[in-house]
Amino acid sequence: MAGSQGGGPPDGADNEAMRARLDKLSNALEARRDKPSSTGGGRAGNGSGGESGGAMAKGMRATSELVGGVLVGGFVGWQLDAWLGTKPWLLILFFLLGVIAGFWNVMRGAFAPTGGLPPEGRDDRSPDAGA
């Protein structure tokens, strides 16, 4: 078997054997990818990769909304205090408004609909609305 040990191109039999192994491996990977994961354990990447990535994205968004609201509110209050000479009252007021706005945005994002159906298939009527 000069092709498999010498570093040259594989001969016909080796090439066919490798192609058969590659096809078998590809089929096994496709079958495993299509099969839903029934176990919750294992590595973090098991199942659909979008689940943990989506949760991480939601967490990062919630954190940035909260921190952004507090920083913007504090900065606006600080600048207004410096401009109007009302230290520290506007800073405190706008800081609290920033905290409220940050929490409001976090709650709005946490309880937003996930959008499981496409917009044309979604029924936006509430159950109480009748027909």
C-alpha atoms as a PDB file:
ATOM      1  CA  MET A   1       0.000   0.000   0.000  1.00  0.00           C
ATOM      2  CA  ALA A   2       2.274   2.689  -1.242  1.00  0.00           C
ATOM      3  CA  GLY A   3      -0.430   5.373  -1.253  1.00  0.00           C
ATOM      4  CA  SER A   4      -1.368   5.130   2.423  1.00  0.00           C
ATOM      5  CA  GLN A   5       2.165   5.187   3.900  1.00  0.00           C
ATOM      6  CA  GLY A   6       4.393   7.021   1.439  1.00  0.00           C
ATOM      7  CA  GLY A   7       2.606  10.341   1.502  1.00  0.00           C
ATOM      8  CA  GLY A   8       1.672  10.139  -2.191  1.00  0.00           C
ATOM      9  CA  PRO A   9      -1.813  10.066  -3.577  1.00  0.00           C
ATOM     10  CA  PRO A  10      -3.941   7.117  -2.429  1.00  0.00           C
ATOM     11  CA  ASP A  11      -4.539   4.342  -4.886  1.00  0.00           C
ATOM     12  CA  GLY A  12      -8.036   3.385  -6.101  1.00  0.00           C
ATOM     13  CA  ALA A  13      -8.888   0.912  -3.307  1.00  0.00           C
ATOM     14  CA  ASP A  14      -7.807   3.309  -0.544  1.00  0.00           C
ATOM     15  CA  ASN A  15      -9.727   6.138  -2.183  1.00  0.00           C
ATOM     16  CA  GLU A  16     -12.926   4.078  -2.347  1.00  0.00           C
ATOM     17  CA  ALA A  17     -12.525   2.939   1.262  1.00  0.00           C
ATOM     18  CA  MET A  18     -12.043   6.536   2.458  1.00  0.00           C
ATOM     19  CA  ARG A  19     -15.034   7.717   0.433  1.00  0.00           C
ATOM     20  CA  ALA A  20     -17.198   4.968   1.950  1.00  0.00           C
ATOM     21  CA  ARG A  21     -16.081   5.906   5.472  1.00  0.00           C
ATOM     22  CA  LEU A  22     -16.743   9.578   4.763  1.00  0.00           C
ATOM     23  CA  ASP A  23     -20.240   8.834   3.446  1.00  0.00           C
ATOM     24  CA  LYS A  24     -21.007   6.669   6.482  1.00  0.00           C
ATOM     25  CA  LEU A  25     -19.801   9.392   8.849  1.00  0.00           C
ATOM     26  CA  SER A  26     -21.746  12.096   6.989  1.00  0.00           C
ATOM     27  CA  ASN A  27     -24.945  10.053   7.196  1.00  0.00           C
ATOM     28  CA  ALA A  28     -24.428   9.426  10.919  1.00  0.00           C
ATOM     29  CA  LEU A  29     -23.858  13.149  11.550  1.00  0.00           C
ATOM     30  CA  GLU A  30     -26.972  14.117   9.573  1.00  0.00           C
ATOM     31  CA  ALA A  31     -29.070  11.591  11.490  1.00  0.00           C
ATOM     32  CA  ARG A  32     -27.785  12.877  14.810  1.00  0.00           C
ATOM     33  CA  ARG A  33     -28.296  16.519  13.814  1.00  0.00           C
ATOM     34  CA  ASP A  34     -31.905  15.867  12.734  1.00  0.00           C
ATOM     35  CA  LYS A  35     -32.779  13.871  15.861  1.00  0.00           C
ATOM     36  CA  PRO A  36     -34.005  16.120  18.722  1.00  0.00           C
ATOM     37  CA  SER A  37     -32.093  15.829  21.953  1.00  0.00           C
ATOM     38  CA  SER A  38     -34.193  13.996  24.557  1.00  0.00           C
ATOM     39  CA  THR A  39     -31.777  14.413  27.454  1.00  0.00           C
ATOM     40  CA  GLY A  40     -31.209  17.629  29.309  1.00  0.00           C
ATOM     41  CA  GLY A  41     -27.731  16.704  30.495  1.00  0.00           C
ATOM     42  CA  GLY A  42     -24.442  16.692  28.739  1.00  0.00           C
ATOM     43  CA  ARG A  43     -22.435  19.560  27.403  1.00  0.00           C
ATOM     44  CA  ALA A  44     -23.823  23.049  27.019  1.00  0.00           C
ATOM     45  CA  GLY A  45     -23.805  22.732  23.238  1.00  0.00           C
ATOM     46  CA  ASN A  46     -26.165  19.752  23.072  1.00  0.00           C
ATOM     47  CA  GLY A  47     -29.582  20.212  21.553  1.00  0.00           C
ATOM     48  CA  SER A  48     -30.133  23.274  19.459  1.00  0.00           C
ATOM     49  CA  GLY A  49     -27.345  25.787  19.782  1.00  0.00           C
ATOM     50  CA  GLY A  50     -29.790  28.685  19.576  1.00  0.00           C
ATOM     51  CA  GLU A  51     -31.251  28.018  23.018  1.00  0.00           C
ATOM     52  CA  SER A  52     -28.188  28.889  25.079  1.00  0.00           C
ATOM     53  CA  GLY A  53     -27.149  31.630  22.666  1.00  0.00           C
ATOM     54  CA  GLY A  54     -30.607  33.179  22.836  1.00  0.00           C
ATOM     55  CA  ALA A  55     -30.591  33.101  26.615  1.00  0.00           C
ATOM     56  CA  MET A  56     -27.157  34.690  26.687  1.00  0.00           C
ATOM     57  CA  ALA A  57     -28.307  37.392  24.277  1.00  0.00           C
ATOM     58  CA  LYS A  58     -31.359  38.129  26.424  1.00  0.00           C
ATOM     59  CA  GLY A  59     -29.207  38.370  29.539  1.00  0.00           C
ATOM     60  CA  MET A  60     -26.710  40.690  27.903  1.00  0.00           C
ATOM     61  CA  ARG A  61     -29.507  42.856  26.541  1.00  0.00           C
ATOM     62  CA  ALA A  62     -31.191  43.082  29.947  1.00  0.00           C
ATOM     63  CA  THR A  63     -27.900  44.041  31.586  1.00  0.00           C
ATOM     64  CA  SER A  64     -27.117  46.698  28.999  1.00  0.00           C
ATOM     65  CA  GLU A  65     -30.652  48.120  29.199  1.00  0.00           C
ATOM     66  CA  LEU A  66     -30.407  48.466  32.966  1.00  0.00           C
ATOM     67  CA  VAL A  67     -26.876  49.867  33.050  1.00  0.00           C
ATOM     68  CA  GLY A  68     -27.581  52.164  30.100  1.00  0.00           C
ATOM     69  CA  GLY A  69     -30.679  53.601  31.730  1.00  0.00           C
ATOM     70  CA  VAL A  70     -28.856  54.294  34.983  1.00  0.00           C
ATOM     71  CA  LEU A  71     -25.828  55.857  33.255  1.00  0.00           C
ATOM     72  CA  VAL A  72     -27.853  58.033  30.891  1.00  0.00           C
ATOM     73  CA  GLY A  73     -30.155  59.204  33.675  1.00  0.00           C
ATOM     74  CA  GLY A  74     -27.233  59.989  35.958  1.00  0.00           C
ATOM     75  CA  PHE A  75     -25.350  61.817  33.212  1.00  0.00           C
ATOM     76  CA  VAL A  76     -28.346  63.932  32.221  1.00  0.00           C
ATOM     77  CA  GLY A  77     -29.016  64.814  35.865  1.00  0.00           C
ATOM     78  CA  TRP A  78     -25.378  65.678  36.458  1.00  0.00           C
ATOM     79  CA  GLN A  79     -25.242  67.926  33.389  1.00  0.00           C
ATOM     80  CA  LEU A  80     -28.500  69.668  34.282  1.00  0.00           C
ATOM     81  CA  ASP A  81     -27.245  70.216  37.834  1.00  0.00           C
ATOM     82  CA  ALA A  82     -24.039  71.759  36.522  1.00  0.00           C
ATOM     83  CA  TRP A  83     -25.949  73.948  34.077  1.00  0.00           C
ATOM     84  CA  LEU A  84     -28.724  75.073  36.442  1.00  0.00           C
ATOM     85  CA  GLY A  85     -26.749  75.026  39.702  1.00  0.00           C
ATOM     86  CA  THR A  86     -29.188  72.757  41.546  1.00  0.00           C
ATOM     87  CA  LYS A  87     -26.663  70.197  42.816  1.00  0.00           C
ATOM     88  CA  PRO A  88     -27.446  67.309  43.706  1.00  0.00           C
ATOM     89  CA  TRP A  89     -31.227  67.295  43.249  1.00  0.00           C
ATOM     90  CA  LEU A  90     -31.514  66.799  39.489  1.00  0.00           C
ATOM     91  CA  LEU A  91     -28.774  64.178  39.607  1.00  0.00           C
ATOM     92  CA  ILE A  92     -30.772  62.205  42.175  1.00  0.00           C
ATOM     93  CA  LEU A  93     -34.035  62.702  40.268  1.00  0.00           C
ATOM     94  CA  PHE A  94     -32.672  61.663  36.875  1.00  0.00           C
ATOM     95  CA  PHE A  95     -30.667  58.813  38.399  1.00  0.00           C
ATOM     96  CA  LEU A  96     -33.905  57.416  39.832  1.00  0.00           C
ATOM     97  CA  LEU A  97     -35.673  57.992  36.504  1.00  0.00           C
ATOM     98  CA  GLY A  98     -32.843  56.103  34.785  1.00  0.00           C
ATOM     99  CA  VAL A  99     -33.228  53.194  37.208  1.00  0.00           C
ATOM    100  CA  ILE A 100     -36.976  53.110  36.573  1.00  0.00           C
ATOM    101  CA  ALA A 101     -36.484  53.298  32.799  1.00  0.00           C
ATOM    102  CA  GLY A 102     -33.856  50.542  32.941  1.00  0.00           C
ATOM    103  CA  PHE A 103     -36.103  48.223  34.926  1.00  0.00           C
ATOM    104  CA  TRP A 104     -39.020  49.055  32.647  1.00  0.00           C
ATOM    105  CA  ASN A 105     -36.974  48.071  29.578  1.00  0.00           C
ATOM    106  CA  VAL A 106     -35.785  44.857  31.258  1.00  0.00           C
ATOM    107  CA  MET A 107     -39.347  43.874  32.145  1.00  0.00           C
ATOM    108  CA  ARG A 108     -40.588  44.762  28.685  1.00  0.00           C
ATOM    109  CA  GLY A 109     -37.886  42.587  27.123  1.00  0.00           C
ATOM    110  CA  ALA A 110     -38.401  39.720  29.560  1.00  0.00           C
ATOM    111  CA  PHE A 111     -42.130  39.451  28.945  1.00  0.00           C
ATOM    112  CA  ALA A 112     -42.066  40.133  25.207  1.00  0.00           C
ATOM    113  CA  PRO A 113     -43.627  37.449  23.009  1.00  0.00           C
ATOM    114  CA  THR A 114     -41.081  35.040  21.579  1.00  0.00           C
ATOM    115  CA  GLY A 115     -42.525  35.095  18.063  1.00  0.00           C
ATOM    116  CA  GLY A 116     -42.902  31.339  17.561  1.00  0.00           C
ATOM    117  CA  LEU A 117     -45.244  31.804  14.614  1.00  0.00           C
ATOM    118  CA  PRO A 118     -44.555  33.888  11.532  1.00  0.00           C
ATOM    119  CA  PRO A 119     -46.479  37.188  11.452  1.00  0.00           C
ATOM    120  CA  GLU A 120     -48.939  35.981   8.804  1.00  0.00           C
ATOM    121  CA  GLY A 121     -49.802  32.883  10.897  1.00  0.00           C
ATOM    122  CA  ARG A 122     -50.147  34.646  14.220  1.00  0.00           C
ATOM    123  CA  ASP A 123     -53.620  35.249  15.624  1.00  0.00           C
ATOM    124  CA  ASP A 124     -53.379  38.543  17.501  1.00  0.00           C
ATOM    125  CA  ARG A 125     -56.913  38.423  18.847  1.00  0.00           C
ATOM    126  CA  SER A 126     -57.179  37.893  22.552  1.00  0.00           C
ATOM    127  CA  PRO A 127     -59.324  34.980  23.812  1.00  0.00           C
ATOM    128  CA  ASP A 128     -61.680  37.501  25.442  1.00  0.00           C
ATOM    129  CA  ALA A 129     -62.321  39.412  22.217  1.00  0.00           C
ATOM    130  CA  GLY A 130     -64.899  36.958  20.860  1.00  0.00           C
ATOM    131  CA  ALA A 131     -65.177  36.483  17.089  1.00  0.00           C
END
